[in-house]
Amino acid sequence: MDIIFIRQLRLDVLIGVHEHERHAPQPLILDLELAADVARAAASDRIEDALDYSAVVGALTEYAQGTAFDLIESLAEGCAALIQERFAVTWLRLTLHKPRAIENAASAGLVIERGRA
């Protein structure tokens, strides 16, 4: 299995359960690992044969900025489902960091892994 990765994608999102979080977007940091067979793209050297990570980032950004979830769990699940459906990714690992979640901590967050046969 080959892995395409995206590290430290910053998304400014309206998210949170506390009243002070509901007034302005806040940064979330996303790390992704996506299963992809890169052999065809490597042989052809054509973007049409590759998993276009720029398109993945565009879709995630549009989706995340168009939501207003309370929980990062809900946002993470939605992002994972979007990637699997739109880009035919069979496996992914998504790490979502919320830097402002806990005072005196660099970030809090979650890691989800989704796959299908």
N, C-alpha and C. Protein backbone atom coordinates (compact mmCIF):
# COMPACT_ATOMS: atom_id res chain seq x y z
N MET A 1 0.86 -1.18 0.00
CA MET A 1 0.00 0.00 0.00
C MET A 1 0.89 1.23 0.00
N ASP A 2 0.59 2.15 -0.87
CA ASP A 2 1.29 3.43 -0.93
C ASP A 2 0.47 4.46 -0.16
N ILE A 3 1.16 5.42 0.42
CA ILE A 3 0.50 6.43 1.26
C ILE A 3 0.81 7.82 0.73
N ILE A 4 -0.22 8.57 0.42
CA ILE A 4 -0.11 10.00 0.13
C ILE A 4 -0.39 10.71 1.45
N PHE A 5 0.43 11.69 1.81
CA PHE A 5 0.17 12.39 3.07
C PHE A 5 0.11 13.89 2.89
N ILE A 6 -0.64 14.50 3.76
CA ILE A 6 -0.76 15.97 3.85
C ILE A 6 -0.55 16.29 5.32
N ARG A 7 0.36 17.18 5.60
CA ARG A 7 0.71 17.51 6.99
C ARG A 7 0.40 18.98 7.30
N GLN A 8 -0.14 19.18 8.46
CA GLN A 8 -0.35 20.49 9.06
C GLN A 8 -1.17 21.44 8.17
N LEU A 9 -2.25 20.90 7.62
CA LEU A 9 -3.19 21.73 6.87
C LEU A 9 -4.00 22.56 7.86
N ARG A 10 -3.92 23.85 7.73
CA ARG A 10 -4.65 24.74 8.64
C ARG A 10 -6.01 25.06 8.02
N LEU A 11 -7.04 24.82 8.81
CA LEU A 11 -8.41 25.15 8.43
C LEU A 11 -9.00 26.05 9.51
N ASP A 12 -9.50 27.20 9.11
CA ASP A 12 -10.17 28.10 10.06
C ASP A 12 -11.65 27.77 10.04
N VAL A 13 -12.15 27.28 11.20
CA VAL A 13 -13.48 26.67 11.26
C VAL A 13 -14.24 27.18 12.47
N LEU A 14 -15.54 27.37 12.29
CA LEU A 14 -16.42 27.67 13.42
C LEU A 14 -16.76 26.35 14.09
N ILE A 15 -16.22 26.13 15.29
CA ILE A 15 -16.40 24.85 15.97
C ILE A 15 -16.25 25.04 17.47
N GLY A 16 -16.99 24.27 18.24
CA GLY A 16 -16.83 24.29 19.68
C GLY A 16 -18.15 24.25 20.41
N VAL A 17 -18.09 23.79 21.66
CA VAL A 17 -19.28 23.67 22.48
C VAL A 17 -19.47 24.86 23.41
N HIS A 18 -18.42 25.65 23.58
CA HIS A 18 -18.49 26.80 24.49
C HIS A 18 -18.94 28.06 23.75
N GLU A 19 -19.68 28.89 24.44
CA GLU A 19 -20.23 30.11 23.85
C GLU A 19 -19.15 30.97 23.20
N HIS A 20 -18.01 31.10 23.85
CA HIS A 20 -16.95 31.96 23.30
C HIS A 20 -16.35 31.39 22.00
N GLU A 21 -16.58 30.11 21.71
CA GLU A 21 -16.07 29.49 20.48
C GLU A 21 -17.02 29.69 19.30
N ARG A 22 -18.22 30.16 19.56
CA ARG A 22 -19.25 30.21 18.52
C ARG A 22 -19.29 31.55 17.78
N HIS A 23 -18.37 32.46 18.10
CA HIS A 23 -18.44 33.80 17.51
C HIS A 23 -17.48 34.03 16.35
N ALA A 24 -16.43 33.25 16.25
CA ALA A 24 -15.46 33.43 15.18
C ALA A 24 -14.77 32.11 14.89
N PRO A 25 -14.38 31.91 13.65
CA PRO A 25 -13.64 30.69 13.32
C PRO A 25 -12.34 30.61 14.11
N GLN A 26 -11.91 29.39 14.37
CA GLN A 26 -10.63 29.16 15.03
C GLN A 26 -9.83 28.15 14.23
N PRO A 27 -8.51 28.16 14.38
CA PRO A 27 -7.69 27.26 13.58
C PRO A 27 -7.78 25.81 14.07
N LEU A 28 -7.86 24.92 13.11
CA LEU A 28 -7.68 23.49 13.34
C LEU A 28 -6.54 23.06 12.42
N ILE A 29 -5.77 22.10 12.86
CA ILE A 29 -4.66 21.57 12.06
C ILE A 29 -4.98 20.11 11.73
N LEU A 30 -4.87 19.78 10.46
CA LEU A 30 -5.25 18.46 9.97
C LEU A 30 -4.03 17.77 9.37
N ASP A 31 -3.83 16.51 9.75
CA ASP A 31 -2.85 15.64 9.12
C ASP A 31 -3.59 14.47 8.51
N LEU A 32 -3.23 14.13 7.28
CA LEU A 32 -3.91 13.05 6.57
C LEU A 32 -2.91 12.05 6.02
N GLU A 33 -3.29 10.79 6.05
CA GLU A 33 -2.60 9.73 5.33
C GLU A 33 -3.67 9.02 4.52
N LEU A 34 -3.44 8.88 3.21
CA LEU A 34 -4.43 8.33 2.30
C LEU A 34 -3.82 7.19 1.50
N ALA A 35 -4.47 6.04 1.50
CA ALA A 35 -4.00 4.91 0.70
C ALA A 35 -4.24 5.21 -0.77
N ALA A 36 -3.20 4.99 -1.56
CA ALA A 36 -3.32 5.21 -3.00
C ALA A 36 -2.29 4.33 -3.70
N ASP A 37 -2.67 3.78 -4.83
CA ASP A 37 -1.72 3.05 -5.65
C ASP A 37 -1.07 4.08 -6.58
N VAL A 38 0.20 4.36 -6.37
CA VAL A 38 0.87 5.41 -7.13
C VAL A 38 1.55 4.89 -8.40
N ALA A 39 1.50 3.59 -8.64
CA ALA A 39 2.22 3.00 -9.78
C ALA A 39 1.77 3.59 -11.12
N ARG A 40 0.48 3.71 -11.32
CA ARG A 40 -0.01 4.24 -12.60
C ARG A 40 0.43 5.68 -12.81
N ALA A 41 0.32 6.51 -11.78
CA ALA A 41 0.75 7.90 -11.89
C ALA A 41 2.26 7.99 -12.10
N ALA A 42 3.00 7.14 -11.42
CA ALA A 42 4.46 7.14 -11.58
C ALA A 42 4.86 6.77 -13.00
N ALA A 43 4.15 5.83 -13.60
CA ALA A 43 4.47 5.39 -14.95
C ALA A 43 4.08 6.43 -16.01
N SER A 44 2.94 7.10 -15.80
CA SER A 44 2.45 8.04 -16.82
C SER A 44 2.94 9.47 -16.59
N ASP A 45 3.24 9.80 -15.34
CA ASP A 45 3.63 11.17 -14.96
C ASP A 45 2.52 12.17 -15.28
N ARG A 46 1.28 11.72 -15.12
CA ARG A 46 0.11 12.56 -15.41
C ARG A 46 -0.75 12.70 -14.15
N ILE A 47 -1.17 13.93 -13.87
CA ILE A 47 -1.99 14.20 -12.68
C ILE A 47 -3.32 13.45 -12.76
N GLU A 48 -3.80 13.19 -13.95
CA GLU A 48 -5.06 12.48 -14.11
C GLU A 48 -5.00 11.06 -13.56
N ASP A 49 -3.80 10.52 -13.44
CA ASP A 49 -3.61 9.16 -12.94
C ASP A 49 -3.24 9.13 -11.46
N ALA A 50 -3.22 10.30 -10.84
CA ALA A 50 -2.78 10.40 -9.44
C ALA A 50 -3.94 10.81 -8.54
N LEU A 51 -3.76 10.58 -7.25
CA LEU A 51 -4.65 11.15 -6.26
C LEU A 51 -4.23 12.61 -6.12
N ASP A 52 -5.05 13.53 -6.57
CA ASP A 52 -4.72 14.95 -6.61
C ASP A 52 -4.90 15.55 -5.22
N TYR A 53 -3.81 15.66 -4.49
CA TYR A 53 -3.93 16.15 -3.11
C TYR A 53 -4.34 17.61 -3.06
N SER A 54 -4.09 18.36 -4.10
CA SER A 54 -4.59 19.74 -4.15
C SER A 54 -6.13 19.75 -4.20
N ALA A 55 -6.70 18.83 -4.95
CA ALA A 55 -8.17 18.72 -5.00
C ALA A 55 -8.72 18.24 -3.66
N VAL A 56 -8.01 17.33 -2.99
CA VAL A 56 -8.41 16.87 -1.66
C VAL A 56 -8.45 18.04 -0.69
N VAL A 57 -7.40 18.86 -0.69
CA VAL A 57 -7.33 20.02 0.20
C VAL A 57 -8.45 21.00 -0.11
N GLY A 58 -8.71 21.25 -1.38
CA GLY A 58 -9.79 22.16 -1.76
C GLY A 58 -11.15 21.68 -1.26
N ALA A 59 -11.41 20.40 -1.43
CA ALA A 59 -12.69 19.84 -0.98
C ALA A 59 -12.82 19.88 0.53
N LEU A 60 -11.76 19.55 1.24
CA LEU A 60 -11.78 19.60 2.71
C LEU A 60 -11.98 21.02 3.22
N THR A 61 -11.28 21.96 2.61
CA THR A 61 -11.40 23.35 3.03
C THR A 61 -12.82 23.87 2.84
N GLU A 62 -13.38 23.61 1.68
CA GLU A 62 -14.75 24.04 1.39
C GLU A 62 -15.74 23.41 2.36
N TYR A 63 -15.59 22.12 2.60
CA TYR A 63 -16.48 21.41 3.51
C TYR A 63 -16.36 21.96 4.94
N ALA A 64 -15.15 22.01 5.45
CA ALA A 64 -14.93 22.42 6.84
C ALA A 64 -15.39 23.85 7.09
N GLN A 65 -15.12 24.73 6.16
CA GLN A 65 -15.51 26.13 6.35
C GLN A 65 -17.00 26.35 6.16
N GLY A 66 -17.68 25.38 5.59
CA GLY A 66 -19.13 25.46 5.42
C GLY A 66 -19.92 24.81 6.54
N THR A 67 -19.22 24.33 7.57
CA THR A 67 -19.90 23.66 8.68
C THR A 67 -19.81 24.51 9.94
N ALA A 68 -20.55 24.11 10.95
CA ALA A 68 -20.49 24.76 12.27
C ALA A 68 -20.76 23.70 13.34
N PHE A 69 -19.98 22.63 13.31
CA PHE A 69 -20.16 21.55 14.27
C PHE A 69 -19.77 22.01 15.67
N ASP A 70 -20.35 21.36 16.66
CA ASP A 70 -19.92 21.56 18.04
C ASP A 70 -18.65 20.76 18.33
N LEU A 71 -18.59 19.53 17.83
CA LEU A 71 -17.52 18.61 18.19
C LEU A 71 -16.57 18.34 17.02
N ILE A 72 -15.27 18.23 17.35
CA ILE A 72 -14.30 17.88 16.31
C ILE A 72 -14.53 16.45 15.82
N GLU A 73 -15.13 15.61 16.64
CA GLU A 73 -15.45 14.25 16.22
C GLU A 73 -16.39 14.27 15.01
N SER A 74 -17.38 15.15 15.04
CA SER A 74 -18.33 15.26 13.93
C SER A 74 -17.65 15.76 12.67
N LEU A 75 -16.80 16.77 12.82
CA LEU A 75 -16.08 17.30 11.67
C LEU A 75 -15.15 16.24 11.09
N ALA A 76 -14.43 15.52 11.93
CA ALA A 76 -13.50 14.49 11.45
C ALA A 76 -14.24 13.40 10.67
N GLU A 77 -15.37 12.94 11.19
CA GLU A 77 -16.16 11.92 10.48
C GLU A 77 -16.63 12.43 9.14
N GLY A 78 -17.10 13.67 9.10
CA GLY A 78 -17.56 14.25 7.84
C GLY A 78 -16.44 14.37 6.82
N CYS A 79 -15.28 14.80 7.27
CA CYS A 79 -14.11 14.91 6.38
C CYS A 79 -13.71 13.55 5.84
N ALA A 80 -13.68 12.54 6.71
CA ALA A 80 -13.30 11.19 6.28
C ALA A 80 -14.29 10.65 5.24
N ALA A 81 -15.57 10.82 5.49
CA ALA A 81 -16.59 10.34 4.55
C ALA A 81 -16.46 11.05 3.21
N LEU A 82 -16.24 12.35 3.24
CA LEU A 82 -16.07 13.13 2.00
C LEU A 82 -14.90 12.60 1.18
N ILE A 83 -13.77 12.39 1.81
CA ILE A 83 -12.58 11.91 1.11
C ILE A 83 -12.82 10.53 0.51
N GLN A 84 -13.40 9.64 1.31
CA GLN A 84 -13.64 8.28 0.81
C GLN A 84 -14.61 8.27 -0.37
N GLU A 85 -15.65 9.08 -0.29
CA GLU A 85 -16.66 9.08 -1.35
C GLU A 85 -16.19 9.80 -2.61
N ARG A 86 -15.64 10.99 -2.44
CA ARG A 86 -15.29 11.81 -3.60
C ARG A 86 -14.01 11.34 -4.30
N PHE A 87 -13.08 10.79 -3.55
CA PHE A 87 -11.78 10.46 -4.13
C PHE A 87 -11.50 8.95 -4.15
N ALA A 88 -12.50 8.15 -3.83
CA ALA A 88 -12.39 6.68 -3.88
C ALA A 88 -11.18 6.17 -3.10
N VAL A 89 -10.93 6.78 -1.94
CA VAL A 89 -9.85 6.36 -1.07
C VAL A 89 -10.37 5.21 -0.21
N THR A 90 -9.65 4.09 -0.21
CA THR A 90 -10.13 2.91 0.52
C THR A 90 -9.70 2.90 1.98
N TRP A 91 -8.66 3.65 2.32
CA TRP A 91 -8.18 3.72 3.70
C TRP A 91 -7.62 5.11 3.95
N LEU A 92 -7.85 5.61 5.17
CA LEU A 92 -7.27 6.89 5.55
C LEU A 92 -7.07 6.96 7.05
N ARG A 93 -6.13 7.77 7.44
CA ARG A 93 -5.93 8.13 8.84
C ARG A 93 -5.94 9.66 8.89
N LEU A 94 -6.81 10.19 9.72
CA LEU A 94 -7.00 11.63 9.84
C LEU A 94 -6.71 12.03 11.29
N THR A 95 -5.80 12.95 11.46
CA THR A 95 -5.49 13.50 12.78
C THR A 95 -5.94 14.95 12.78
N LEU A 96 -6.74 15.30 13.76
CA LEU A 96 -7.28 16.66 13.86
C LEU A 96 -6.81 17.26 15.18
N HIS A 97 -6.09 18.37 15.07
CA HIS A 97 -5.58 19.09 16.24
C HIS A 97 -6.40 20.36 16.44
N LYS A 98 -6.77 20.61 17.67
CA LYS A 98 -7.45 21.86 18.03
C LYS A 98 -6.51 22.61 18.99
N PRO A 99 -5.68 23.52 18.44
CA PRO A 99 -4.64 24.16 19.25
C PRO A 99 -5.16 24.97 20.44
N ARG A 100 -6.32 25.53 20.35
CA ARG A 100 -6.83 26.38 21.43
C ARG A 100 -7.75 25.65 22.40
N ALA A 101 -7.79 24.33 22.34
CA ALA A 101 -8.75 23.56 23.13
C ALA A 101 -8.46 23.58 24.62
N ILE A 102 -7.18 23.49 24.98
CA ILE A 102 -6.82 23.38 26.39
C ILE A 102 -5.70 24.37 26.69
N GLU A 103 -5.93 25.18 27.67
CA GLU A 103 -4.90 26.11 28.11
C GLU A 103 -3.68 25.33 28.58
N ASN A 104 -2.50 25.79 28.25
CA ASN A 104 -1.22 25.20 28.63
C ASN A 104 -0.91 23.89 27.89
N ALA A 105 -1.64 23.61 26.81
CA ALA A 105 -1.34 22.44 25.98
C ALA A 105 -1.18 22.92 24.53
N ALA A 106 -0.27 22.31 23.82
CA ALA A 106 -0.05 22.70 22.42
C ALA A 106 -1.32 22.47 21.60
N SER A 107 -2.00 21.37 21.86
CA SER A 107 -3.27 21.09 21.19
C SER A 107 -3.91 19.86 21.83
N ALA A 108 -5.16 19.69 21.49
CA ALA A 108 -5.90 18.47 21.82
C ALA A 108 -6.54 18.03 20.51
N GLY A 109 -6.98 16.80 20.44
CA GLY A 109 -7.58 16.37 19.20
C GLY A 109 -7.89 14.90 19.16
N LEU A 110 -7.94 14.35 17.96
CA LEU A 110 -8.24 12.94 17.81
C LEU A 110 -7.63 12.40 16.53
N VAL A 111 -7.51 11.11 16.50
CA VAL A 111 -7.05 10.38 15.32
C VAL A 111 -8.13 9.37 14.98
N ILE A 112 -8.57 9.39 13.72
CA ILE A 112 -9.50 8.36 13.27
C ILE A 112 -8.88 7.65 12.07
N GLU A 113 -9.20 6.40 11.96
CA GLU A 113 -8.75 5.58 10.84
C GLU A 113 -9.98 4.92 10.25
N ARG A 114 -10.12 5.05 8.94
CA ARG A 114 -11.29 4.48 8.28
C ARG A 114 -10.83 3.70 7.06
N GLY A 115 -11.44 2.55 6.85
CA GLY A 115 -11.12 1.74 5.70
C GLY A 115 -12.31 0.96 5.25
N ARG A 116 -12.24 0.50 4.04
CA ARG A 116 -13.29 -0.37 3.52
C ARG A 116 -12.66 -1.34 2.55
N ALA A 117 -13.23 -2.48 2.46
CA ALA A 117 -12.67 -3.52 1.59
C ALA A 117 -12.95 -3.24 0.14
